[in-house]
Amino acid sequence: MDRLKAKQIEDAMDTVSTQVVSGEKRFAAPQAFLGSQWHIVIADGYIYWVQNPEILDDFGNQRLLIENGQLIIETFQGQWTRI
């Protein structure tokens, strides 16, 4: 029996077996992970926690970046400010 690749079937995802993805993956657009209240968006070297994944620069949103080996957290208050 031939195996089907998951990308051949829409909305198919194996959540039971162990999987390994090798190689480098590049995304042409920001990646959003939707939650019930806050969403996570990965874009331009930052990890954002936002209420609306379409608006990254919005009051109260936060983002994480790595600068000189240190993790930096910033919050948006009209401009990005380190906290």
PDB file of N, CA and C in Angstrom:
ATOM      1  N   MET A   1       0.839  -1.173   0.000  1.00  0.00           N
ATOM      2  CA  MET A   1       0.000   0.000   0.000  1.00  0.00           C
ATOM      3  C   MET A   1       0.884   1.237   0.000  1.00  0.00           C
ATOM      4  N   ASP A   2       0.572   2.201  -0.860  1.00  0.00           N
ATOM      5  CA  ASP A   2       1.324   3.447  -0.926  1.00  0.00           C
ATOM      6  C   ASP A   2       0.914   4.359   0.219  1.00  0.00           C
ATOM      7  N   ARG A   3       1.882   5.108   0.716  1.00  0.00           N
ATOM      8  CA  ARG A   3       1.593   6.080   1.775  1.00  0.00           C
ATOM      9  C   ARG A   3       1.176   7.398   1.151  1.00  0.00           C
ATOM     10  N   LEU A   4       0.210   8.069   1.752  1.00  0.00           N
ATOM     11  CA  LEU A   4      -0.209   9.388   1.305  1.00  0.00           C
ATOM     12  C   LEU A   4       0.559  10.435   2.089  1.00  0.00           C
ATOM     13  N   LYS A   5       1.012  11.463   1.429  1.00  0.00           N
ATOM     14  CA  LYS A   5       1.647  12.576   2.117  1.00  0.00           C
ATOM     15  C   LYS A   5       0.552  13.485   2.647  1.00  0.00           C
ATOM     16  N   ALA A   6       0.750  14.039   3.859  1.00  0.00           N
ATOM     17  CA  ALA A   6      -0.275  14.866   4.494  1.00  0.00           C
ATOM     18  C   ALA A   6      -0.654  16.068   3.644  1.00  0.00           C
ATOM     19  N   LYS A   7       0.275  16.617   2.897  1.00  0.00           N
ATOM     20  CA  LYS A   7      -0.051  17.805   2.106  1.00  0.00           C
ATOM     21  C   LYS A   7      -0.958  17.481   0.929  1.00  0.00           C
ATOM     22  N   GLN A   8      -1.222  16.184   0.676  1.00  0.00           N
ATOM     23  CA  GLN A   8      -2.150  15.809  -0.380  1.00  0.00           C
ATOM     24  C   GLN A   8      -3.607  15.934   0.083  1.00  0.00           C
ATOM     25  N   ILE A   9      -3.820  15.997   1.386  1.00  0.00           N
ATOM     26  CA  ILE A   9      -5.168  16.020   1.945  1.00  0.00           C
ATOM     27  C   ILE A   9      -5.337  17.300   2.744  1.00  0.00           C
ATOM     28  N   GLU A  10      -6.341  18.107   2.405  1.00  0.00           N
ATOM     29  CA  GLU A  10      -6.577  19.346   3.136  1.00  0.00           C
ATOM     30  C   GLU A  10      -6.972  19.053   4.580  1.00  0.00           C
ATOM     31  N   ASP A  11      -6.473  19.893   5.506  1.00  0.00           N
ATOM     32  CA  ASP A  11      -6.784  19.811   6.936  1.00  0.00           C
ATOM     33  C   ASP A  11      -6.337  18.508   7.595  1.00  0.00           C
ATOM     34  N   ALA A  12      -5.398  17.795   6.983  1.00  0.00           N
ATOM     35  CA  ALA A  12      -4.907  16.552   7.582  1.00  0.00           C
ATOM     36  C   ALA A  12      -3.700  16.849   8.449  1.00  0.00           C
ATOM     37  N   MET A  13      -3.705  16.324   9.669  1.00  0.00           N
ATOM     38  CA  MET A  13      -2.576  16.510  10.576  1.00  0.00           C
ATOM     39  C   MET A  13      -2.483  15.299  11.493  1.00  0.00           C
ATOM     40  N   ASP A  14      -1.297  14.743  11.583  1.00  0.00           N
ATOM     41  CA  ASP A  14      -1.054  13.606  12.468  1.00  0.00           C
ATOM     42  C   ASP A  14      -0.633  14.156  13.823  1.00  0.00           C
ATOM     43  N   THR A  15      -1.461  13.991  14.839  1.00  0.00           N
ATOM     44  CA  THR A  15      -1.145  14.503  16.174  1.00  0.00           C
ATOM     45  C   THR A  15      -0.745  13.395  17.138  1.00  0.00           C
ATOM     46  N   VAL A  16      -0.548  12.179  16.626  1.00  0.00           N
ATOM     47  CA  VAL A  16      -0.271  11.043  17.498  1.00  0.00           C
ATOM     48  C   VAL A  16       1.177  10.565  17.394  1.00  0.00           C
ATOM     49  N   SER A  17       1.685  10.393  16.184  1.00  0.00           N
ATOM     50  CA  SER A  17       3.019   9.820  16.022  1.00  0.00           C
ATOM     51  C   SER A  17       4.103  10.894  16.100  1.00  0.00           C
ATOM     52  N   THR A  18       5.315  10.479  16.448  1.00  0.00           N
ATOM     53  CA  THR A  18       6.462  11.371  16.510  1.00  0.00           C
ATOM     54  C   THR A  18       6.885  11.732  15.095  1.00  0.00           C
ATOM     55  N   GLN A  19       7.188  13.009  14.887  1.00  0.00           N
ATOM     56  CA  GLN A  19       7.592  13.452  13.564  1.00  0.00           C
ATOM     57  C   GLN A  19       8.843  14.311  13.667  1.00  0.00           C
ATOM     58  N   VAL A  20       9.689  14.239  12.652  1.00  0.00           N
ATOM     59  CA  VAL A  20      10.891  15.053  12.586  1.00  0.00           C
ATOM     60  C   VAL A  20      10.885  15.758  11.237  1.00  0.00           C
ATOM     61  N   VAL A  21      11.100  17.049  11.274  1.00  0.00           N
ATOM     62  CA  VAL A  21      11.193  17.829  10.039  1.00  0.00           C
ATOM     63  C   VAL A  21      12.630  18.313   9.929  1.00  0.00           C
ATOM     64  N   SER A  22      13.319  17.895   8.896  1.00  0.00           N
ATOM     65  CA  SER A  22      14.708  18.316   8.732  1.00  0.00           C
ATOM     66  C   SER A  22      14.781  19.409   7.683  1.00  0.00           C
ATOM     67  N   GLY A  23      15.859  20.135   7.710  1.00  0.00           N
ATOM     68  CA  GLY A  23      16.047  21.200   6.745  1.00  0.00           C
ATOM     69  C   GLY A  23      15.568  22.534   7.278  1.00  0.00           C
ATOM     70  N   GLU A  24      15.736  23.550   6.464  1.00  0.00           N
ATOM     71  CA  GLU A  24      15.356  24.914   6.836  1.00  0.00           C
ATOM     72  C   GLU A  24      14.046  25.269   6.149  1.00  0.00           C
ATOM     73  N   LYS A  25      13.138  25.863   6.911  1.00  0.00           N
ATOM     74  CA  LYS A  25      11.855  26.276   6.351  1.00  0.00           C
ATOM     75  C   LYS A  25      11.807  27.793   6.311  1.00  0.00           C
ATOM     76  N   ARG A  26      11.378  28.357   5.201  1.00  0.00           N
ATOM     77  CA  ARG A  26      11.264  29.805   5.044  1.00  0.00           C
ATOM     78  C   ARG A  26       9.819  30.130   4.695  1.00  0.00           C
ATOM     79  N   PHE A  27       9.314  31.184   5.320  1.00  0.00           N
ATOM     80  CA  PHE A  27       7.947  31.591   5.100  1.00  0.00           C
ATOM     81  C   PHE A  27       7.935  32.945   4.398  1.00  0.00           C
ATOM     82  N   ALA A  28       7.077  33.085   3.408  1.00  0.00           N
ATOM     83  CA  ALA A  28       7.003  34.319   2.638  1.00  0.00           C
ATOM     84  C   ALA A  28       6.157  35.379   3.334  1.00  0.00           C
ATOM     85  N   ALA A  29       5.407  34.979   4.356  1.00  0.00           N
ATOM     86  CA  ALA A  29       4.530  35.914   5.066  1.00  0.00           C
ATOM     87  C   ALA A  29       4.610  35.621   6.560  1.00  0.00           C
ATOM     88  N   PRO A  30       4.202  36.575   7.410  1.00  0.00           N
ATOM     89  CA  PRO A  30       4.178  36.313   8.851  1.00  0.00           C
ATOM     90  C   PRO A  30       3.327  35.093   9.177  1.00  0.00           C
ATOM     91  N   GLN A  31       3.751  34.332  10.162  1.00  0.00           N
ATOM     92  CA  GLN A  31       3.013  33.148  10.585  1.00  0.00           C
ATOM     93  C   GLN A  31       2.236  33.465  11.849  1.00  0.00           C
ATOM     94  N   ALA A  32       0.947  33.158  11.866  1.00  0.00           N
ATOM     95  CA  ALA A  32       0.086  33.464  13.011  1.00  0.00           C
ATOM     96  C   ALA A  32      -0.435  32.173  13.628  1.00  0.00           C
ATOM     97  N   PHE A  33      -0.438  32.135  14.952  1.00  0.00           N
ATOM     98  CA  PHE A  33      -0.977  31.028  15.721  1.00  0.00           C
ATOM     99  C   PHE A  33      -2.107  31.609  16.564  1.00  0.00           C
ATOM    100  N   LEU A  34      -3.329  31.268  16.217  1.00  0.00           N
ATOM    101  CA  LEU A  34      -4.477  31.915  16.813  1.00  0.00           C
ATOM    102  C   LEU A  34      -4.885  31.238  18.116  1.00  0.00           C
ATOM    103  N   GLY A  35      -5.141  32.052  19.147  1.00  0.00           N
ATOM    104  CA  GLY A  35      -5.596  31.563  20.436  1.00  0.00           C
ATOM    105  C   GLY A  35      -6.955  32.151  20.752  1.00  0.00           C
ATOM    106  N   SER A  36      -7.418  31.946  21.961  1.00  0.00           N
ATOM    107  CA  SER A  36      -8.744  32.437  22.319  1.00  0.00           C
ATOM    108  C   SER A  36      -8.750  33.937  22.589  1.00  0.00           C
ATOM    109  N   GLN A  37      -7.685  34.465  23.197  1.00  0.00           N
ATOM    110  CA  GLN A  37      -7.638  35.893  23.505  1.00  0.00           C
ATOM    111  C   GLN A  37      -6.415  36.554  22.866  1.00  0.00           C
ATOM    112  N   TRP A  38      -5.248  35.973  23.078  1.00  0.00           N
ATOM    113  CA  TRP A  38      -4.009  36.494  22.492  1.00  0.00           C
ATOM    114  C   TRP A  38      -3.559  35.555  21.384  1.00  0.00           C
ATOM    115  N   HIS A  39      -2.958  36.136  20.359  1.00  0.00           N
ATOM    116  CA  HIS A  39      -2.442  35.369  19.243  1.00  0.00           C
ATOM    117  C   HIS A  39      -0.930  35.565  19.184  1.00  0.00           C
ATOM    118  N   ILE A  40      -0.230  34.593  18.636  1.00  0.00           N
ATOM    119  CA  ILE A  40       1.220  34.687  18.465  1.00  0.00           C
ATOM    120  C   ILE A  40       1.497  34.834  16.974  1.00  0.00           C
ATOM    121  N   VAL A  41       2.291  35.838  16.638  1.00  0.00           N
ATOM    122  CA  VAL A  41       2.678  36.075  15.245  1.00  0.00           C
ATOM    123  C   VAL A  41       4.204  36.129  15.194  1.00  0.00           C
ATOM    124  N   ILE A  42       4.793  35.408  14.261  1.00  0.00           N
ATOM    125  CA  ILE A  42       6.236  35.437  14.059  1.00  0.00           C
ATOM    126  C   ILE A  42       6.498  36.184  12.761  1.00  0.00           C
ATOM    127  N   ALA A  43       7.195  37.319  12.856  1.00  0.00           N
ATOM    128  CA  ALA A  43       7.447  38.136  11.667  1.00  0.00           C
ATOM    129  C   ALA A  43       8.688  38.991  11.869  1.00  0.00           C
ATOM    130  N   ASP A  44       9.501  39.092  10.845  1.00  0.00           N
ATOM    131  CA  ASP A  44      10.652  40.007  10.820  1.00  0.00           C
ATOM    132  C   ASP A  44      11.588  39.864  12.016  1.00  0.00           C
ATOM    133  N   GLY A  45      11.797  38.641  12.480  1.00  0.00           N
ATOM    134  CA  GLY A  45      12.730  38.416  13.581  1.00  0.00           C
ATOM    135  C   GLY A  45      12.143  38.627  14.965  1.00  0.00           C
ATOM    136  N   TYR A  46      10.856  38.873  15.063  1.00  0.00           N
ATOM    137  CA  TYR A  46      10.185  39.080  16.343  1.00  0.00           C
ATOM    138  C   TYR A  46       9.129  38.000  16.568  1.00  0.00           C
ATOM    139  N   ILE A  47       8.827  37.726  17.830  1.00  0.00           N
ATOM    140  CA  ILE A  47       7.658  36.943  18.210  1.00  0.00           C
ATOM    141  C   ILE A  47       6.713  37.914  18.892  1.00  0.00           C
ATOM    142  N   TYR A  48       5.539  38.107  18.313  1.00  0.00           N
ATOM    143  CA  TYR A  48       4.552  39.062  18.816  1.00  0.00           C
ATOM    144  C   TYR A  48       3.442  38.338  19.571  1.00  0.00           C
ATOM    145  N   TRP A  49       2.921  38.962  20.630  1.00  0.00           N
ATOM    146  CA  TRP A  49       1.694  38.560  21.301  1.00  0.00           C
ATOM    147  C   TRP A  49       0.706  39.692  21.043  1.00  0.00           C
ATOM    148  N   VAL A  50      -0.347  39.408  20.275  1.00  0.00           N
ATOM    149  CA  VAL A  50      -1.259  40.447  19.817  1.00  0.00           C
ATOM    150  C   VAL A  50      -2.709  40.018  20.024  1.00  0.00           C
ATOM    151  N   GLN A  51      -3.596  41.007  20.076  1.00  0.00           N
ATOM    152  CA  GLN A  51      -5.027  40.702  20.147  1.00  0.00           C
ATOM    153  C   GLN A  51      -5.625  40.570  18.749  1.00  0.00           C
ATOM    154  N   ASN A  52      -5.046  41.271  17.772  1.00  0.00           N
ATOM    155  CA  ASN A  52      -5.488  41.173  16.388  1.00  0.00           C
ATOM    156  C   ASN A  52      -4.255  40.875  15.533  1.00  0.00           C
ATOM    157  N   PRO A  53      -4.169  39.679  14.935  1.00  0.00           N
ATOM    158  CA  PRO A  53      -2.963  39.325  14.183  1.00  0.00           C
ATOM    159  C   PRO A  53      -2.744  40.168  12.924  1.00  0.00           C
ATOM    160  N   GLU A  54      -3.724  40.963  12.541  1.00  0.00           N
ATOM    161  CA  GLU A  54      -3.581  41.839  11.379  1.00  0.00           C
ATOM    162  C   GLU A  54      -2.914  43.166  11.739  1.00  0.00           C
ATOM    163  N   ILE A  55      -2.850  43.513  13.060  1.00  0.00           N
ATOM    164  CA  ILE A  55      -2.290  44.797  13.502  1.00  0.00           C
ATOM    165  C   ILE A  55      -1.207  44.524  14.542  1.00  0.00           C
ATOM    166  N   LEU A  56       0.045  44.522  14.116  1.00  0.00           N
ATOM    167  CA  LEU A  56       1.143  44.245  15.053  1.00  0.00           C
ATOM    168  C   LEU A  56       1.447  45.460  15.922  1.00  0.00           C
ATOM    169  N   ASP A  57       1.401  46.656  15.346  1.00  0.00           N
ATOM    170  CA  ASP A  57       1.706  47.883  16.085  1.00  0.00           C
ATOM    171  C   ASP A  57       0.409  48.446  16.680  1.00  0.00           C
ATOM    172  N   ASP A  58      -0.082  47.802  17.741  1.00  0.00           N
ATOM    173  CA  ASP A  58      -1.324  48.211  18.393  1.00  0.00           C
ATOM    174  C   ASP A  58      -1.075  48.299  19.895  1.00  0.00           C
ATOM    175  N   PHE A  59      -1.724  49.235  20.552  1.00  0.00           N
ATOM    176  CA  PHE A  59      -1.519  49.472  21.981  1.00  0.00           C
ATOM    177  C   PHE A  59      -1.712  48.192  22.796  1.00  0.00           C
ATOM    178  N   GLY A  60      -0.744  47.917  23.676  1.00  0.00           N
ATOM    179  CA  GLY A  60      -0.799  46.751  24.551  1.00  0.00           C
ATOM    180  C   GLY A  60      -0.145  45.507  23.989  1.00  0.00           C
ATOM    181  N   ASN A  61       0.121  45.474  22.683  1.00  0.00           N
ATOM    182  CA  ASN A  61       0.803  44.321  22.103  1.00  0.00           C
ATOM    183  C   ASN A  61       2.229  44.256  22.632  1.00  0.00           C
ATOM    184  N   GLN A  62       2.767  43.041  22.674  1.00  0.00           N
ATOM    185  CA  GLN A  62       4.147  42.857  23.119  1.00  0.00           C
ATOM    186  C   GLN A  62       4.891  42.030  22.091  1.00  0.00           C
ATOM    187  N   ARG A  63       6.222  42.181  22.098  1.00  0.00           N
ATOM    188  CA  ARG A  63       7.052  41.383  21.200  1.00  0.00           C
ATOM    189  C   ARG A  63       8.356  41.031  21.879  1.00  0.00           C
ATOM    190  N   LEU A  64       8.950  39.954  21.402  1.00  0.00           N
ATOM    191  CA  LEU A  64      10.201  39.425  21.938  1.00  0.00           C
ATOM    192  C   LEU A  64      11.223  39.396  20.807  1.00  0.00           C
ATOM    193  N   LEU A  65      12.455  39.814  21.123  1.00  0.00           N
ATOM    194  CA  LEU A  65      13.532  39.735  20.146  1.00  0.00           C
ATOM    195  C   LEU A  65      14.816  39.333  20.855  1.00  0.00           C
ATOM    196  N   ILE A  66      15.783  38.919  20.080  1.00  0.00           N
ATOM    197  CA  ILE A  66      17.108  38.600  20.617  1.00  0.00           C
ATOM    198  C   ILE A  66      18.065  39.656  20.098  1.00  0.00           C
ATOM    199  N   GLU A  67      18.772  40.302  21.036  1.00  0.00           N
ATOM    200  CA  GLU A  67      19.737  41.335  20.668  1.00  0.00           C
ATOM    201  C   GLU A  67      21.016  41.087  21.459  1.00  0.00           C
ATOM    202  N   ASN A  68      22.119  40.886  20.761  1.00  0.00           N
ATOM    203  CA  ASN A  68      23.416  40.602  21.398  1.00  0.00           C
ATOM    204  C   ASN A  68      23.323  39.452  22.395  1.00  0.00           C
ATOM    205  N   GLY A  69      22.559  38.414  22.036  1.00  0.00           N
ATOM    206  CA  GLY A  69      22.439  37.231  22.877  1.00  0.00           C
ATOM    207  C   GLY A  69      21.478  37.375  24.046  1.00  0.00           C
ATOM    208  N   GLN A  70      20.798  38.504  24.152  1.00  0.00           N
ATOM    209  CA  GLN A  70      19.845  38.716  25.247  1.00  0.00           C
ATOM    210  C   GLN A  70      18.425  38.772  24.704  1.00  0.00           C
ATOM    211  N   LEU A  71      17.480  38.256  25.495  1.00  0.00           N
ATOM    212  CA  LEU A  71      16.070  38.345  25.144  1.00  0.00           C
ATOM    213  C   LEU A  71      15.541  39.703  25.584  1.00  0.00           C
ATOM    214  N   ILE A  72      14.896  40.403  24.679  1.00  0.00           N
ATOM    215  CA  ILE A  72      14.357  41.734  24.946  1.00  0.00           C
ATOM    216  C   ILE A  72      12.847  41.683  24.741  1.00  0.00           C
ATOM    217  N   ILE A  73      12.091  42.217  25.707  1.00  0.00           N
ATOM    218  CA  ILE A  73      10.636  42.317  25.576  1.00  0.00           C
ATOM    219  C   ILE A  73      10.275  43.782  25.412  1.00  0.00           C
ATOM    220  N   GLU A  74       9.437  44.050  24.421  1.00  0.00           N
ATOM    221  CA  GLU A  74       8.969  45.404  24.175  1.00  0.00           C
ATOM    222  C   GLU A  74       7.440  45.415  24.177  1.00  0.00           C
ATOM    223  N   THR A  75       6.859  46.540  24.562  1.00  0.00           N
ATOM    224  CA  THR A  75       5.409  46.716  24.511  1.00  0.00           C
ATOM    225  C   THR A  75       5.105  47.940  23.657  1.00  0.00           C
ATOM    226  N   PHE A  76       3.974  47.904  22.962  1.00  0.00           N
ATOM    227  CA  PHE A  76       3.625  49.016  22.086  1.00  0.00           C
ATOM    228  C   PHE A  76       2.754  50.012  22.843  1.00  0.00           C
ATOM    229  N   GLN A  77       3.255  51.249  22.947  1.00  0.00           N
ATOM    230  CA  GLN A  77       2.544  52.349  23.613  1.00  0.00           C
ATOM    231  C   GLN A  77       2.633  53.594  22.726  1.00  0.00           C
ATOM    232  N   GLY A  78       2.235  53.446  21.476  1.00  0.00           N
ATOM    233  CA  GLY A  78       2.426  54.509  20.500  1.00  0.00           C
ATOM    234  C   GLY A  78       3.725  54.329  19.734  1.00  0.00           C
ATOM    235  N   GLN A  79       4.682  53.698  20.378  1.00  0.00           N
ATOM    236  CA  GLN A  79       5.933  53.234  19.788  1.00  0.00           C
ATOM    237  C   GLN A  79       6.395  52.053  20.623  1.00  0.00           C
ATOM    238  N   TRP A  80       7.320  51.263  20.086  1.00  0.00           N
ATOM    239  CA  TRP A  80       7.809  50.095  20.819  1.00  0.00           C
ATOM    240  C   TRP A  80       8.764  50.545  21.918  1.00  0.00           C
ATOM    241  N   THR A  81       8.479  50.132  23.156  1.00  0.00           N
ATOM    242  CA  THR A  81       9.249  50.521  24.336  1.00  0.00           C
ATOM    243  C   THR A  81       9.693  49.266  25.076  1.00  0.00           C
ATOM    244  N   ARG A  82      10.959  49.218  25.443  1.00  0.00           N
ATOM    245  CA  ARG A  82      11.477  48.055  26.204  1.00  0.00           C
ATOM    246  C   ARG A  82      10.912  48.086  27.612  1.00  0.00           C
ATOM    247  N   ILE A  83      10.598  46.892  28.113  1.00  0.00           N
ATOM    248  CA  ILE A  83      10.110  46.799  29.496  1.00  0.00           C
ATOM    249  C   ILE A  83      11.035  45.945  30.321  1.00  0.00           C
TER     250      ILE A  83
END
